[in-house]
Amino acid sequence: MFKELKRKIIHLIGLLIPICYYFFREEDKIIAVFILFSLTVIYFFLELLRLTNKRAQRYFLTHFSPLLRTHEKQKITGTGYYLLSALLSVSLFEKELAIACLSFLVLGDMFAAIIGMRFGRTKILAGKSLEGSLACFIVCLVIGLFVAWLFPTHLNLQIIAVGALTATIVELLPLGIDDNLTIPLISGLVMEILIYVAM
C-alpha cells in the first residue's frame, strides 16, 4: 500500500507538463509538440535499451525498482505511456482540453488511489472502491472548473462534468490498456466532441 501511494505522489511530477504548457502561446503549440515528441522518442529509446540490454536493466532495477509495479519491470513503464498521451493530447486537443485531461490523469488517478486505499469500503469493480471513484470524479470536476476559469472559452459545467465522469469511468474500468494513455485521450476526446456539437 505504501509503495503504491509513494508512486502516485511521485507522479505529481507529471503536472509539470500541463503547467508548462499553460505558459505557451497558441502560436507556439508546434514548439510544445516538438519538445514532447523529442522527450517521448528519447524515453522510448531508453526503455528499449532497458528491455533489451541486461546491464541497463540491472542498473535501472537497482535504482528505480521501488517505484515500479511488478509488470513494469519487464514492460514499458507508465511514464512512457504518459509522455505518449501528453504528446497526443497536446497535438490533437484544444489547449484547455489538453491541460484539463492531463491533470485529470495526474490528480484524479492519484486521489482515487489515496482515498480508495485509506477509506475505500465499498468495492465495485476490479478491486476499486466507490469512495475512490467519487474522489476521482470530484477532483476532476474541480480541475475542470479551474481550467474553465483560466480559459473562459468553450468549456461549461456540463462539458466539464461529462469529462470528469468519463475520466472516472475510464479509471475504474479494467480496459487492458495503461490508464496513463486512456484517461487523458478518452476524456479529452469526449469533451472535444461535446464542444464541437455545442458550437
Protein backbone atom coordinates (compact mmCIF):
# COMPACT_ATOMS: atom_id res chain seq x y z
CA MET A 1 0.00 0.00 0.00
CA PHE A 2 2.74 2.48 0.98
CA LYS A 3 4.67 1.69 -2.20
CA GLU A 4 1.63 2.46 -4.38
CA LEU A 5 0.97 5.70 -2.52
CA LYS A 6 4.60 6.70 -2.97
CA ARG A 7 4.33 6.01 -6.71
CA LYS A 8 1.19 8.14 -7.01
CA ILE A 9 2.73 11.06 -5.12
CA ILE A 10 5.84 10.95 -7.31
CA HIS A 11 3.50 11.06 -10.31
CA LEU A 12 2.76 14.67 -9.30
CA ILE A 13 5.87 15.46 -11.32
CA GLY A 14 3.64 14.78 -14.31
CA LEU A 15 1.82 18.06 -13.56
CA LEU A 16 4.86 19.86 -14.94
CA ILE A 17 3.65 19.15 -18.47
CA PRO A 18 0.20 20.80 -18.25
CA ILE A 19 1.60 23.60 -16.06
CA CYS A 20 4.40 24.38 -18.51
CA TYR A 21 2.04 24.08 -21.48
CA TYR A 22 -0.20 26.74 -19.94
CA PHE A 23 2.56 29.31 -20.48
CA PHE A 24 2.93 28.50 -24.19
CA ARG A 25 1.17 30.86 -26.58
CA GLU A 26 -1.28 29.32 -29.05
CA GLU A 27 1.06 30.08 -31.94
CA ASP A 28 3.86 28.21 -30.14
CA LYS A 29 1.91 24.94 -29.94
CA ILE A 30 4.24 23.37 -32.53
CA ILE A 31 7.17 24.03 -30.18
CA ALA A 32 5.38 22.24 -27.33
CA VAL A 33 4.62 19.33 -29.66
CA PHE A 34 8.25 19.17 -30.77
CA ILE A 35 9.52 19.17 -27.17
CA LEU A 36 7.09 16.41 -26.17
CA PHE A 37 7.90 14.41 -29.29
CA SER A 38 11.63 14.65 -28.51
CA LEU A 39 11.13 13.63 -24.87
CA THR A 40 8.91 10.71 -25.91
CA VAL A 41 11.38 9.42 -28.50
CA ILE A 42 14.28 9.69 -26.05
CA TYR A 43 12.31 7.95 -23.31
CA PHE A 44 11.20 5.08 -25.53
CA PHE A 45 14.77 4.67 -26.77
CA LEU A 46 15.92 4.35 -23.15
CA GLU A 47 13.06 1.92 -22.47
CA LEU A 48 14.11 -0.19 -25.46
CA LEU A 49 17.68 -0.17 -24.16
CA ARG A 50 16.49 -1.20 -20.70
CA LEU A 51 14.36 -4.04 -22.02
CA THR A 52 17.00 -5.44 -24.38
CA ASN A 53 20.27 -4.82 -22.52
CA LYS A 54 20.95 -6.81 -19.34
CA ARG A 55 23.39 -4.29 -17.91
CA ALA A 56 21.00 -1.38 -18.47
CA GLN A 57 18.17 -3.41 -16.96
CA ARG A 58 20.18 -4.23 -13.83
CA TYR A 59 21.12 -0.57 -13.39
CA PHE A 60 17.51 0.55 -13.81
CA LEU A 61 16.11 -2.05 -11.41
CA THR A 62 18.79 -1.27 -8.82
CA HIS A 63 17.89 2.42 -8.74
CA PHE A 64 14.19 2.54 -9.65
CA SER A 65 12.72 -0.85 -8.71
CA PRO A 66 10.79 0.52 -5.67
CA LEU A 67 8.86 2.85 -8.00
CA LEU A 68 7.80 0.16 -10.46
CA ARG A 69 4.81 -2.11 -10.49
CA THR A 70 5.68 -5.76 -10.98
CA HIS A 71 4.59 -5.87 -14.64
CA GLU A 72 6.57 -2.70 -15.45
CA LYS A 73 9.88 -4.41 -14.71
CA GLN A 74 9.67 -6.32 -17.99
CA LYS A 75 7.45 -3.93 -19.97
CA ILE A 76 7.12 -0.25 -20.81
CA THR A 77 6.54 1.85 -17.69
CA GLY A 78 3.60 4.14 -17.07
CA THR A 79 5.85 7.15 -17.65
CA GLY A 80 6.28 6.16 -21.28
CA TYR A 81 2.52 5.95 -21.76
CA TYR A 82 2.07 9.30 -20.01
CA LEU A 83 4.55 11.02 -22.31
CA LEU A 84 2.82 9.49 -25.32
CA SER A 85 -0.61 10.60 -24.10
CA ALA A 86 0.74 14.10 -23.39
CA LEU A 87 2.15 14.28 -26.92
CA LEU A 88 -1.15 13.14 -28.45
CA SER A 89 -3.29 15.35 -26.18
CA VAL A 90 -1.31 18.50 -26.96
CA SER A 91 -1.25 17.62 -30.66
CA LEU A 92 -4.94 16.77 -31.04
CA PHE A 93 -6.90 18.80 -28.50
CA GLU A 94 -7.54 22.46 -27.78
CA LYS A 95 -5.09 23.86 -25.24
CA GLU A 96 -7.58 23.97 -22.36
CA LEU A 97 -8.67 20.39 -23.01
CA ALA A 98 -5.10 19.09 -23.12
CA ILE A 99 -4.34 20.77 -19.80
CA ALA A 100 -7.57 19.51 -18.24
CA CYS A 101 -7.38 15.88 -19.34
CA LEU A 102 -3.70 15.50 -18.41
CA SER A 103 -4.48 16.97 -14.99
CA PHE A 104 -7.43 14.57 -14.70
CA LEU A 105 -4.94 11.74 -15.00
CA VAL A 106 -2.29 13.04 -12.61
CA LEU A 107 -4.57 14.28 -9.82
CA GLY A 108 -7.75 12.28 -10.37
CA ASP A 109 -5.93 8.96 -10.53
CA MET A 110 -3.77 9.88 -7.53
CA PHE A 111 -6.73 10.82 -5.31
CA ALA A 112 -8.67 7.75 -6.45
CA ALA A 113 -5.77 5.62 -5.20
CA ILE A 114 -5.18 7.52 -1.95
CA ILE A 115 -8.84 7.75 -0.91
CA GLY A 116 -9.57 4.23 -2.14
CA MET A 117 -6.72 2.74 -0.10
CA ARG A 118 -7.42 4.79 3.02
CA PHE A 119 -11.22 4.94 3.09
CA GLY A 120 -12.40 2.51 0.42
CA ARG A 121 -15.03 0.20 1.90
CA THR A 122 -17.46 -0.32 -0.97
CA LYS A 123 -15.77 -2.40 -3.66
CA ILE A 124 -17.40 -2.02 -7.06
CA LEU A 125 -15.09 -3.28 -9.82
CA ALA A 126 -11.63 -4.82 -10.21
CA GLY A 127 -10.83 -4.21 -6.54
CA LYS A 128 -11.54 -0.48 -6.81
CA SER A 129 -13.86 1.33 -4.45
CA LEU A 130 -16.83 3.65 -4.73
CA GLU A 131 -15.09 6.08 -2.39
CA GLY A 132 -12.00 6.22 -4.61
CA SER A 133 -14.11 6.75 -7.73
CA LEU A 134 -16.09 9.54 -6.07
CA ALA A 135 -12.82 11.21 -5.09
CA CYS A 136 -11.59 10.92 -8.67
CA PHE A 137 -14.78 12.49 -10.02
CA ILE A 138 -14.78 15.38 -7.54
CA VAL A 139 -11.10 16.17 -8.14
CA CYS A 140 -11.55 16.04 -11.93
CA LEU A 141 -14.62 18.27 -11.66
CA VAL A 142 -12.69 20.85 -9.62
CA ILE A 143 -9.80 20.70 -12.11
CA GLY A 144 -12.21 21.24 -14.99
CA LEU A 145 -13.80 24.25 -13.30
CA PHE A 146 -10.37 25.73 -12.60
CA VAL A 147 -9.28 25.24 -16.22
CA ALA A 148 -12.56 26.79 -17.41
CA TRP A 149 -11.78 29.79 -15.20
CA LEU A 150 -8.30 30.04 -16.74
CA PHE A 151 -9.71 29.69 -20.27
CA PRO A 152 -13.19 31.28 -20.40
CA THR A 153 -13.95 29.91 -23.87
CA HIS A 154 -15.82 26.72 -24.81
CA LEU A 155 -15.86 24.84 -21.51
CA ASN A 156 -19.06 24.90 -19.47
CA LEU A 157 -20.25 22.96 -16.43
CA GLN A 158 -21.99 20.27 -18.50
CA ILE A 159 -18.93 19.55 -20.64
CA ILE A 160 -16.65 19.57 -17.59
CA ALA A 161 -18.96 17.23 -15.67
CA VAL A 162 -19.14 14.76 -18.56
CA GLY A 163 -15.35 14.93 -18.99
CA ALA A 164 -14.81 14.32 -15.27
CA LEU A 165 -17.28 11.42 -15.29
CA THR A 166 -15.59 9.94 -18.37
CA ALA A 167 -12.17 10.12 -16.71
CA THR A 168 -13.62 8.46 -13.59
CA ILE A 169 -15.23 5.63 -15.56
CA VAL A 170 -12.08 5.01 -17.59
CA GLU A 171 -10.00 4.96 -14.38
CA LEU A 172 -12.41 2.41 -12.92
CA LEU A 173 -12.74 0.03 -15.87
CA PRO A 174 -10.11 -2.69 -16.49
CA LEU A 175 -9.69 -1.89 -20.19
CA GLY A 176 -6.39 -3.74 -20.54
CA ILE A 177 -4.64 -0.57 -21.73
CA ASP A 178 -2.49 1.59 -19.46
CA ASP A 179 -4.68 4.32 -17.95
CA ASN A 180 -1.88 6.85 -18.43
CA LEU A 181 -2.92 6.61 -22.06
CA THR A 182 -6.67 6.03 -21.83
CA ILE A 183 -7.75 8.59 -19.21
CA PRO A 184 -6.45 11.73 -20.98
CA LEU A 185 -7.24 10.61 -24.53
CA ILE A 186 -10.77 9.32 -23.94
CA SER A 187 -11.87 12.15 -21.63
CA GLY A 188 -10.27 14.74 -23.92
CA LEU A 189 -11.93 13.24 -26.99
CA VAL A 190 -15.35 13.19 -25.32
CA MET A 191 -15.04 16.86 -24.32
CA GLU A 192 -13.76 17.79 -27.79
CA ILE A 193 -16.81 16.13 -29.37
CA LEU A 194 -19.20 17.87 -26.95
CA ILE A 195 -17.65 21.27 -27.72
CA TYR A 196 -17.96 20.60 -31.46
CA VAL A 197 -21.61 19.55 -31.11
CA ALA A 198 -22.42 22.61 -28.97
CA MET A 199 -20.91 25.07 -31.46
